[in-house]
Structure formats: structure tokens, C-alpha cells
Amino acid sequence: MAEASDAAADIEILTEHFGYPPVSLLDDIINAVNIVAESALVSIEQGLLRSPPSALGFRPPRKPKKSRSKALSADDAAAEAAAAAAAVEEAAKFEIDNGTHQLETLLCSSIDRTFDIFELYIMNNILCLRPGDRVWMRLRHYDGLDFSHTSDTAPSVASVSVLRRKLAASQRLTATLEAEKAQNDALLGLLRGLVARSRAAAAQRGEQRADGARAPGALGFLGDAAAALGAADGAAPLQTTTGFALSQMPALRGLSAALRGLAGKLQPVDGDGTPGRRTWRKGRVEYIEAATRKHLESVRGLELDAHGEVRDGEWQKAGRKIGMHEVKGLEEVVALVGGMVDGHRRGGREEERQAVEVEQREAERGERKETEEEEEKEYEERQETEEKPGAEDVMDQS
């Protein structure tokens, strides 16, 4: 760790002395060598490509034999020679590209390995400081500075750090305010343009009021905002003030007390509000609701809860009571079906259908009878309910 810290201190001192890091000098040297090597490789490749294939060791195509040349025409012989020459050139180009790539890889690896050793030697033996030289060594721009003398009024590191933070915060605030100022200026410019266009359009139309004044445009209030609001000072106070609101409080209190007195004299809507007494209108509503509920439960076959809603998926308590005539009808149907099955097994399906029809008719007959009885009871109750309002009205009039 000590050696690493000493090396870092040496690099900082040399960087401050040279004005640039020592490693950047070595990087520039290596980059220059790489550029020279790359240009050399490009020149070698171009030179090889310009050379004929025969100079690189590629043999020209052999001439065909005389017997075969006699059989081929002149055009076919020329085409075959051109194809052979193109194949030779393609092989030569491929060999040149492959060899150049291998040469480039070899040269770059050799340069990297060699200059890594060169960088280590320079940093450890040339661009370095001996341990005994750091004690008395002083750079030129530190001449005339006395760090041993300190005063109470001199700024400390903490105070300088605080001032730097304040300066950065003020700079950020200034940048934010300048951005907002630019946005506000752009918005004001847009609004001024709109007001100017609206006024120009109003002037062209020639719209005027009855007193001869020009009617303001759609955005005319933006230009006359100060005049519309007025100067709220002591000379011309606003009309609606706190004093005016306080002066209206007694009148509001009087109105509130009068309303409380009237509220106590109001009568309920459905009667005098005494418990245990029902008007004929309320009785009529209850009768209609009960009749509707009975109709839905008996005729429609619906199951309703206490609030009149259809039950779905919940326990519906006990069903309706079954009369004796319904039980006897079902027993007769069962006996009839049993006898018919014993006597006529082949026509079982037809007999079962007839038995079901008989059972349905019996059930419908029982339901009709029960419905008629309930309707008679409801009619009697309705007659009694219609007779009661007359007596109640006489009592109310008295």
C-alpha cells in the first residue's frame, strides 16, 4: 500500500510539473508507432496487389493441346483462357489478403508486447522521483509561498468548501431564474401578439358601443388588467369590504331565527306524525305492495326476501304449504301410474306421459283453487280498507 501511495504521489507531482500526465506521453508515442505500422501494411498490400500473379509464384494457365485446340473454336478457347486467368487472379488476391492480415496481427502483437516493456521501463526508471528527493523538492509555481505561517483571519478548508457550495447553489439558482425569465418573455410575447391581433380585428370590423367607445376584443382584458382591477389604496377602497360583510351579519341572524321558528310549525307529509296511526294513502300503498308480492310468489313462482328482492343461491326457508287435495291427487296419480305399468309394460312411455299430464292438471287445478281463495280474501280486505278512510276523514274534519 505504501508503494502504491508513493507511486500515486509521484504521478501527481509529475503531472503538476509537466502540465499533463506522464502516461499520456507514452500513449502518444505508441499511437505514432501504430500509425506508421498501419501505413506500412497498407503500402505492402497495395504493392502486392499491383504485382502480377506470376511474380508472386502463381503459374499462368497451361495452353491446351493441339488436338483439343483444333476441336475447339477460337471463341471457346479465348473464353477458357480468360476464365483460367480470372481464377489465378482471384487466388492471388485471396492469398495477398490472408497474408496481409497475418502480417498485421503479428506486427501489432509484437508492437504491443515491446512497448508494454518500454512503458514499464520509462515509468520505473525515467519518469519517476527518488524517495529522498520529495522532501526538499518544490515546484516553480510554489516559490514564495510560506505554508508554516497561519493567521486567525485566514480562510480554512471548511470555510472555502462552504463558500464553494454556496457559489454552486447560487449559480444553479441563477440558471433556473434565467430559464424562467426566458419562458416568461416568450409567453408575454405570445400574449402581446394575440392582444394586438384581436385589437386589429376589432378595429377592422368597426365594432363600437352605444357610448361611442370601442368594444374590447376577446383578449382585451390582458392589456387593461391594471385599469380593470384599479388601485386598491386608501383613497379609493373596494366597494365590498369587511365592514360591509359585518354590517350584513345582523340581518342574516334575524333570517336564521325566523326560519327556525317556521320549521317547528311544519306538519309531516304523511299525517300529523303521531305513532300508531296510518292514513288511508299509506294503507293503500301497503296493500298494493302485499298484493304484488303475493302475485309474484304464487303465480310467477318467485322467492322474495324481506326487502322484496329475488333470492338467488341462498337459503329460502320453508316452501309454501301443500293442501290435502294436492296430496290426494298425487296419490291417485301414483296409483294410476303403478297399475298402468303392471298391466301395460310395452306402452310404458305413452302411459308415463299421460300420467305426467294428469299430475300437471291436478297441480294446476289446486293452484287455481288456492289463487281464487287468496283473491277473495284480498278483495274482502280491500273493501274493509276502502271503508276506513271515510271514518278517518270525518275524525280529521272534526
Protein backbone atom coordinates (compact mmCIF):
# COMPACT_ATOMS: atom_id res chain seq x y z
CA MET A 1 0.00 0.00 0.00
CA ALA A 2 2.87 2.36 0.82
CA GLU A 3 4.49 1.75 -2.54
CA ALA A 4 1.17 2.34 -4.33
CA SER A 5 0.61 5.61 -2.45
CA ASP A 6 4.18 6.74 -3.21
CA ALA A 7 3.70 5.94 -6.91
CA ALA A 8 0.42 7.90 -6.93
CA ALA A 9 2.15 10.86 -5.24
CA ASP A 10 4.97 10.76 -7.81
CA ILE A 11 2.45 10.75 -10.68
CA GLU A 12 0.59 13.74 -9.16
CA ILE A 13 3.80 15.74 -8.75
CA LEU A 14 4.98 14.95 -12.30
CA THR A 15 1.54 15.78 -13.70
CA GLU A 16 1.57 19.14 -11.91
CA HIS A 17 5.12 19.80 -13.12
CA PHE A 18 4.64 18.81 -16.80
CA GLY A 19 1.09 20.01 -17.11
CA TYR A 20 -0.08 16.60 -18.39
CA PRO A 21 0.06 13.01 -17.08
CA PRO A 22 3.28 11.12 -17.89
CA VAL A 23 1.27 8.21 -19.28
CA SER A 24 -0.18 10.45 -21.99
CA LEU A 25 3.36 10.95 -23.39
CA LEU A 26 3.86 7.21 -23.69
CA ASP A 27 0.40 6.82 -25.24
CA ASP A 28 1.25 9.39 -27.90
CA ILE A 29 4.47 7.52 -28.74
CA ILE A 30 2.63 4.19 -29.04
CA ASN A 31 -0.12 5.77 -31.19
CA ALA A 32 2.51 7.25 -33.53
CA VAL A 33 4.18 3.83 -33.92
CA ASN A 34 0.81 2.20 -34.64
CA ILE A 35 0.06 4.79 -37.32
CA VAL A 36 3.42 4.16 -39.00
CA ALA A 37 2.88 0.38 -38.87
CA GLU A 38 -0.60 0.72 -40.36
CA SER A 39 0.66 2.88 -43.24
CA ALA A 40 3.45 0.36 -43.89
CA LEU A 41 0.95 -2.51 -44.03
CA VAL A 42 -1.27 -0.57 -46.46
CA SER A 43 1.73 0.14 -48.72
CA ILE A 44 2.77 -3.53 -48.67
CA GLU A 45 -0.76 -4.65 -49.56
CA GLN A 46 -1.08 -2.17 -52.42
CA GLY A 47 2.34 -3.18 -53.77
CA LEU A 48 1.42 -6.85 -53.76
CA LEU A 49 -1.92 -6.18 -55.42
CA ARG A 50 -0.24 -4.22 -58.22
CA SER A 51 2.23 -7.05 -58.86
CA PRO A 52 1.30 -9.70 -61.46
CA PRO A 53 0.36 -13.14 -60.11
CA SER A 54 3.34 -14.73 -61.87
CA ALA A 55 5.75 -12.57 -59.82
CA LEU A 56 4.16 -13.90 -56.62
CA GLY A 57 4.68 -17.55 -57.64
CA PHE A 58 1.35 -18.24 -59.31
CA ARG A 59 1.87 -20.08 -62.61
CA PRO A 60 -0.01 -18.95 -65.69
CA PRO A 61 -2.60 -21.38 -67.09
CA ARG A 62 -1.26 -24.05 -69.39
CA LYS A 63 -2.04 -23.88 -73.07
CA PRO A 64 -4.41 -26.60 -74.34
CA LYS A 65 -3.08 -29.41 -76.53
CA LYS A 66 -3.15 -29.13 -80.30
CA SER A 67 -5.66 -31.94 -80.84
CA ARG A 68 -8.03 -30.31 -78.38
CA SER A 69 -7.38 -26.83 -79.73
CA LYS A 70 -8.35 -27.97 -83.17
CA ALA A 71 -11.65 -29.30 -81.87
CA LEU A 72 -12.49 -26.03 -80.06
CA SER A 73 -13.30 -22.86 -81.85
CA ALA A 74 -11.38 -19.62 -81.39
CA ASP A 75 -14.10 -18.06 -79.18
CA ASP A 76 -14.29 -21.04 -76.86
CA ALA A 77 -10.51 -21.11 -76.48
CA ALA A 78 -10.43 -17.40 -75.62
CA ALA A 79 -13.24 -17.79 -73.04
CA GLU A 80 -11.48 -20.72 -71.41
CA ALA A 81 -8.19 -18.79 -71.21
CA ALA A 82 -9.96 -15.76 -69.67
CA ALA A 83 -11.66 -17.95 -67.05
CA ALA A 84 -8.34 -19.55 -66.13
CA ALA A 85 -6.64 -16.15 -65.81
CA ALA A 86 -9.53 -14.85 -63.61
CA ALA A 87 -9.21 -17.88 -61.34
CA VAL A 88 -5.47 -17.26 -60.98
CA GLU A 89 -6.03 -13.59 -60.12
CA GLU A 90 -8.72 -14.47 -57.58
CA ALA A 91 -6.41 -16.99 -55.90
CA ALA A 92 -3.59 -14.45 -55.82
CA LYS A 93 -5.87 -11.77 -54.29
CA PHE A 94 -7.09 -14.19 -51.62
CA GLU A 95 -3.53 -15.15 -50.75
CA ILE A 96 -2.48 -11.49 -50.54
CA ASP A 97 -5.41 -10.60 -48.20
CA ASN A 98 -4.74 -13.58 -45.98
CA GLY A 99 -1.00 -12.93 -45.79
CA THR A 100 -1.50 -9.20 -45.10
CA HIS A 101 -3.90 -9.99 -42.26
CA GLN A 102 -1.46 -12.42 -40.70
CA LEU A 103 1.36 -9.90 -41.03
CA GLU A 104 -0.78 -7.20 -39.40
CA THR A 105 -1.68 -9.47 -36.47
CA LEU A 106 1.95 -10.44 -35.93
CA LEU A 107 3.21 -6.85 -36.17
CA CYS A 108 0.55 -5.44 -33.78
CA SER A 109 1.16 -8.12 -31.16
CA SER A 110 4.92 -7.52 -31.39
CA ILE A 111 4.43 -3.74 -31.01
CA ASP A 112 2.13 -4.15 -28.02
CA ARG A 113 4.45 -6.53 -26.22
CA THR A 114 7.55 -4.44 -26.89
CA PHE A 115 6.02 -1.09 -25.92
CA ASP A 116 4.49 -2.52 -22.75
CA ILE A 117 8.00 -3.30 -21.63
CA PHE A 118 9.09 0.16 -22.82
CA GLU A 119 6.31 1.82 -20.76
CA LEU A 120 7.24 -0.08 -17.61
CA TYR A 121 10.90 0.84 -18.01
CA ILE A 122 10.13 4.54 -18.56
CA MET A 123 7.74 4.80 -15.61
CA ASN A 124 10.03 2.96 -13.21
CA ASN A 125 13.40 4.47 -14.23
CA ILE A 126 12.94 7.79 -16.05
CA LEU A 127 9.59 9.42 -15.24
CA CYS A 128 9.82 8.86 -11.50
CA LEU A 129 11.14 10.51 -8.34
CA ARG A 130 13.60 9.13 -5.86
CA PRO A 131 12.27 8.83 -2.29
CA GLY A 132 14.88 11.24 -0.90
CA ASP A 133 14.01 13.99 -3.40
CA ARG A 134 10.40 14.51 -2.34
CA VAL A 135 11.36 16.18 0.96
CA TRP A 136 13.21 19.19 -0.46
CA MET A 137 11.63 19.31 -3.91
CA ARG A 138 9.47 22.38 -4.66
CA LEU A 139 7.87 23.28 -7.98
CA ARG A 140 8.38 26.67 -9.58
CA HIS A 141 4.83 27.98 -9.03
CA TYR A 142 5.19 27.28 -5.28
CA ASP A 143 8.12 29.72 -4.84
CA GLY A 144 7.45 32.49 -2.31
CA LEU A 145 4.67 30.64 -0.50
CA ASP A 146 5.00 30.12 3.24
CA PHE A 147 2.68 27.37 4.49
CA SER A 148 4.09 27.45 8.02
CA HIS A 149 2.58 30.86 8.86
CA THR A 150 -1.13 30.78 9.65
CA SER A 151 -3.45 33.56 10.92
CA ASP A 152 -6.83 33.52 12.60
CA THR A 153 -8.45 35.54 9.84
CA ALA A 154 -7.16 33.29 7.08
CA PRO A 155 -9.85 31.13 5.48
CA SER A 156 -9.86 27.48 6.40
CA VAL A 157 -10.55 24.48 4.22
CA ALA A 158 -14.04 24.11 5.68
CA SER A 159 -14.93 27.76 5.06
CA VAL A 160 -13.66 27.54 1.49
CA SER A 161 -15.76 24.40 0.96
CA VAL A 162 -18.85 26.18 2.30
CA LEU A 163 -18.24 29.13 0.01
CA ARG A 164 -17.84 26.80 -2.96
CA ARG A 165 -21.14 25.09 -2.18
CA LYS A 166 -22.87 28.47 -1.83
CA LEU A 167 -21.39 29.61 -5.13
CA ALA A 168 -22.57 26.43 -6.89
CA ALA A 169 -26.07 26.83 -5.40
CA SER A 170 -26.25 30.48 -6.46
CA GLN A 171 -25.12 29.55 -9.97
CA ARG A 172 -27.82 26.87 -10.21
CA LEU A 173 -30.43 29.34 -8.95
CA THR A 174 -29.28 31.94 -11.46
CA ALA A 175 -29.54 29.45 -14.30
CA THR A 176 -33.05 28.45 -13.18
CA LEU A 177 -34.18 32.06 -12.92
CA GLU A 178 -32.78 32.88 -16.34
CA ALA A 179 -34.62 29.91 -17.84
CA GLU A 180 -37.89 31.01 -16.20
CA LYS A 181 -37.31 34.58 -17.38
CA ALA A 182 -36.85 33.36 -20.94
CA GLN A 183 -40.08 31.32 -20.70
CA ASN A 184 -41.98 34.29 -19.29
CA ASP A 185 -40.66 36.58 -22.00
CA ALA A 186 -41.76 34.11 -24.67
CA LEU A 187 -45.23 33.83 -23.09
CA LEU A 188 -45.58 37.61 -22.81
CA GLY A 189 -44.58 37.98 -26.43
CA LEU A 190 -47.21 35.46 -27.46
CA LEU A 191 -49.91 37.18 -25.38
CA ARG A 192 -48.97 40.62 -26.70
CA GLY A 193 -49.22 39.29 -30.24
CA LEU A 194 -52.69 37.84 -29.51
CA VAL A 195 -53.88 41.10 -27.96
CA ALA A 196 -52.53 43.12 -30.90
CA ARG A 197 -54.26 40.82 -33.41
CA SER A 198 -57.56 40.97 -31.53
CA ARG A 199 -57.44 44.76 -31.38
CA ALA A 200 -56.59 44.99 -35.06
CA ALA A 201 -59.52 42.69 -35.92
CA ALA A 202 -61.89 44.78 -33.77
CA ALA A 203 -60.66 47.94 -35.46
CA GLN A 204 -61.28 46.46 -38.90
CA ARG A 205 -64.82 45.37 -38.02
CA GLY A 206 -65.56 48.79 -36.54
CA GLU A 207 -67.44 47.45 -33.52
CA GLN A 208 -68.37 50.28 -31.20
CA ARG A 209 -70.51 50.56 -28.11
CA ALA A 210 -73.54 52.79 -27.63
CA ASP A 211 -71.46 55.50 -25.94
CA GLY A 212 -69.02 55.60 -28.82
CA ALA A 213 -66.24 53.68 -27.09
CA ARG A 214 -64.61 50.80 -28.94
CA ALA A 215 -65.64 47.36 -27.75
CA PRO A 216 -62.70 45.40 -26.36
CA GLY A 217 -61.59 42.25 -28.12
CA ALA A 218 -61.65 38.72 -26.75
CA LEU A 219 -58.26 39.23 -25.06
CA GLY A 220 -58.51 42.92 -24.38
CA PHE A 221 -58.59 42.38 -20.62
CA LEU A 222 -54.92 41.33 -20.75
CA GLY A 223 -53.81 44.80 -21.75
CA ASP A 224 -56.14 46.62 -19.36
CA ALA A 225 -55.69 44.41 -16.30
CA ALA A 226 -54.41 47.21 -14.10
CA ALA A 227 -57.24 49.53 -15.09
CA ALA A 228 -59.84 46.78 -14.54
CA LEU A 229 -58.61 45.95 -11.06
CA GLY A 230 -57.97 49.54 -10.08
CA ALA A 231 -55.59 50.87 -7.48
CA ALA A 232 -56.68 49.35 -4.17
CA ASP A 233 -55.38 52.07 -1.87
CA GLY A 234 -56.85 54.21 0.90
CA ALA A 235 -58.19 56.89 -1.48
CA ALA A 236 -60.41 54.51 -3.47
CA PRO A 237 -61.17 51.36 -1.42
CA LEU A 238 -63.03 48.37 -2.81
CA GLN A 239 -66.82 48.50 -2.59
CA THR A 240 -67.21 45.08 -0.97
CA THR A 241 -65.11 45.24 2.16
CA THR A 242 -65.02 43.53 5.53
CA GLY A 243 -67.09 46.33 7.05
CA PHE A 244 -69.87 45.71 4.56
CA ALA A 245 -69.83 41.96 5.32
CA LEU A 246 -70.03 42.65 9.08
CA SER A 247 -72.93 45.06 8.58
CA GLN A 248 -74.97 42.27 6.95
CA MET A 249 -74.49 39.82 9.83
CA PRO A 250 -77.46 41.07 11.99
CA ALA A 251 -79.85 40.66 9.08
CA LEU A 252 -78.60 37.12 8.46
CA ARG A 253 -79.06 36.25 12.13
CA GLY A 254 -82.66 37.54 12.03
CA LEU A 255 -83.48 35.49 8.97
CA SER A 256 -81.99 32.36 10.57
CA ALA A 257 -84.09 32.82 13.74
CA ALA A 258 -87.26 33.31 11.67
CA LEU A 259 -86.59 30.10 9.72
CA ARG A 260 -86.11 28.16 12.97
CA GLY A 261 -89.49 29.36 14.17
CA LEU A 262 -91.22 28.34 10.95
CA ALA A 263 -89.55 24.91 10.94
CA GLY A 264 -91.26 23.95 14.20
CA LYS A 265 -94.73 24.68 12.76
CA LEU A 266 -94.32 22.48 9.70
CA GLN A 267 -96.51 19.33 9.59
CA PRO A 268 -95.26 15.94 8.39
CA VAL A 269 -96.17 14.98 4.86
CA ASP A 270 -97.96 11.73 5.68
CA GLY A 271 -100.13 12.99 8.56
CA ASP A 272 -99.78 14.50 12.00
CA GLY A 273 -96.77 12.34 12.82
CA THR A 274 -98.37 10.54 15.79
CA PRO A 275 -97.20 6.91 16.06
CA GLY A 276 -99.73 4.08 15.77
CA ARG A 277 -101.99 5.82 13.24
CA ARG A 278 -101.94 5.28 9.49
CA THR A 279 -103.61 7.33 6.82
CA TRP A 280 -105.63 5.68 4.07
CA ARG A 281 -102.95 6.57 1.50
CA LYS A 282 -100.27 4.72 3.45
CA GLY A 283 -102.62 1.74 3.88
CA ARG A 284 -103.33 1.72 0.15
CA VAL A 285 -99.60 1.63 -0.64
CA GLU A 286 -99.03 -1.23 1.79
CA TYR A 287 -101.94 -3.19 0.32
CA ILE A 288 -100.59 -2.77 -3.24
CA GLU A 289 -97.14 -3.93 -2.16
CA ALA A 290 -98.55 -7.00 -0.37
CA ALA A 291 -100.77 -7.93 -3.35
CA THR A 292 -97.86 -7.59 -5.75
CA ARG A 293 -95.69 -9.76 -3.53
CA LYS A 294 -98.34 -12.49 -3.33
CA HIS A 295 -98.83 -12.43 -7.08
CA LEU A 296 -95.11 -12.82 -7.75
CA GLU A 297 -94.73 -15.65 -5.25
CA SER A 298 -97.88 -17.63 -6.13
CA VAL A 299 -98.35 -17.05 -9.88
CA ARG A 300 -94.83 -16.34 -11.08
CA GLY A 301 -93.18 -18.79 -8.72
CA LEU A 302 -90.56 -16.35 -7.43
CA GLU A 303 -88.99 -16.44 -3.99
CA LEU A 304 -88.67 -12.98 -2.45
CA ASP A 305 -86.81 -11.91 0.68
CA ALA A 306 -87.96 -9.43 3.33
CA HIS A 307 -86.96 -6.47 1.15
CA GLY A 308 -88.81 -7.75 -1.94
CA GLU A 309 -85.69 -8.85 -3.81
CA VAL A 310 -85.46 -12.18 -5.67
CA ARG A 311 -83.43 -14.77 -3.80
CA ASP A 312 -80.63 -16.43 -5.76
CA GLY A 313 -78.38 -19.12 -4.32
CA GLU A 314 -79.29 -18.57 -0.66
CA TRP A 315 -81.47 -20.48 1.78
CA GLN A 316 -85.11 -19.76 1.07
CA LYS A 317 -86.57 -21.20 4.28
CA ALA A 318 -89.63 -23.46 4.05
CA GLY A 319 -91.72 -23.51 0.87
CA ARG A 320 -95.47 -22.99 0.60
CA LYS A 321 -97.87 -25.34 2.37
CA ILE A 322 -99.42 -28.15 0.34
CA GLY A 323 -103.17 -28.78 0.70
CA MET A 324 -104.85 -32.11 1.33
CA HIS A 325 -106.44 -32.13 -2.10
CA GLU A 326 -102.98 -31.83 -3.72
CA VAL A 327 -101.68 -34.78 -1.68
CA LYS A 328 -104.67 -36.93 -2.62
CA GLY A 329 -104.26 -36.02 -6.28
CA LEU A 330 -100.61 -37.06 -6.19
CA GLU A 331 -101.51 -40.40 -4.51
CA GLU A 332 -104.10 -41.12 -7.16
CA VAL A 333 -101.60 -40.33 -9.89
CA VAL A 334 -99.00 -42.65 -8.33
CA ALA A 335 -101.54 -45.47 -8.00
CA LEU A 336 -102.72 -44.95 -11.55
CA VAL A 337 -99.17 -44.95 -12.90
CA GLY A 338 -98.29 -48.12 -10.91
CA GLY A 339 -101.32 -50.02 -12.18
CA MET A 340 -100.72 -48.95 -15.74
CA VAL A 341 -97.09 -50.09 -15.56
CA ASP A 342 -98.06 -53.51 -14.21
CA GLY A 343 -100.73 -54.03 -16.89
CA HIS A 344 -99.08 -52.48 -19.90
CA ARG A 345 -95.31 -52.69 -19.83
CA ARG A 346 -94.89 -52.28 -23.59
CA GLY A 347 -96.61 -48.91 -23.78
CA GLY A 348 -94.72 -47.51 -20.78
CA ARG A 349 -93.60 -44.30 -22.37
CA GLU A 350 -97.05 -43.21 -23.52
CA GLU A 351 -98.63 -44.05 -20.17
CA GLU A 352 -95.91 -42.14 -18.28
CA ARG A 353 -96.53 -39.11 -20.44
CA GLN A 354 -100.27 -39.30 -19.73
CA ALA A 355 -99.58 -39.71 -16.01
CA VAL A 356 -97.40 -36.63 -16.04
CA GLU A 357 -100.10 -34.67 -17.81
CA VAL A 358 -102.70 -35.78 -15.26
CA GLU A 359 -100.36 -34.74 -12.44
CA GLN A 360 -99.80 -31.35 -14.02
CA ARG A 361 -103.56 -30.82 -14.43
CA GLU A 362 -104.17 -31.74 -10.81
CA ALA A 363 -101.45 -29.37 -9.67
CA GLU A 364 -102.81 -26.55 -11.82
CA ARG A 365 -106.32 -27.18 -10.50
CA GLY A 366 -105.07 -26.95 -6.94
CA GLU A 367 -103.11 -23.76 -7.64
CA ARG A 368 -106.11 -22.13 -9.30
CA LYS A 369 -108.29 -23.00 -6.37
CA GLU A 370 -105.78 -21.60 -3.90
CA THR A 371 -105.34 -18.45 -6.00
CA GLU A 372 -109.12 -17.91 -6.10
CA GLU A 373 -109.31 -18.20 -2.32
CA GLU A 374 -106.49 -15.70 -1.86
CA GLU A 375 -108.10 -13.27 -4.31
CA GLU A 376 -111.38 -13.48 -2.40
CA LYS A 377 -109.56 -12.70 0.85
CA GLU A 378 -107.71 -9.81 -0.75
CA TYR A 379 -110.97 -8.42 -2.16
CA GLU A 380 -112.56 -8.51 1.29
CA GLU A 381 -109.55 -6.80 2.87
CA ARG A 382 -109.58 -4.13 0.18
CA GLN A 383 -113.29 -3.46 0.81
CA GLU A 384 -112.58 -3.05 4.52
CA THR A 385 -109.62 -0.73 3.81
CA GLU A 386 -111.69 1.47 1.48
CA GLU A 387 -114.38 1.90 4.14
CA LYS A 388 -111.89 3.09 6.81
CA PRO A 389 -110.74 6.39 5.15
CA GLY A 390 -114.22 7.82 5.33
CA ALA A 391 -114.30 7.49 9.09
CA GLU A 392 -110.77 8.86 9.44
CA ASP A 393 -111.64 11.87 7.28
CA VAL A 394 -114.67 12.57 9.47
CA MET A 395 -112.46 12.44 12.53
CA ASP A 396 -109.90 14.76 10.92
CA GLN A 397 -112.60 17.25 9.97
CA SER A 398 -113.98 17.20 13.48
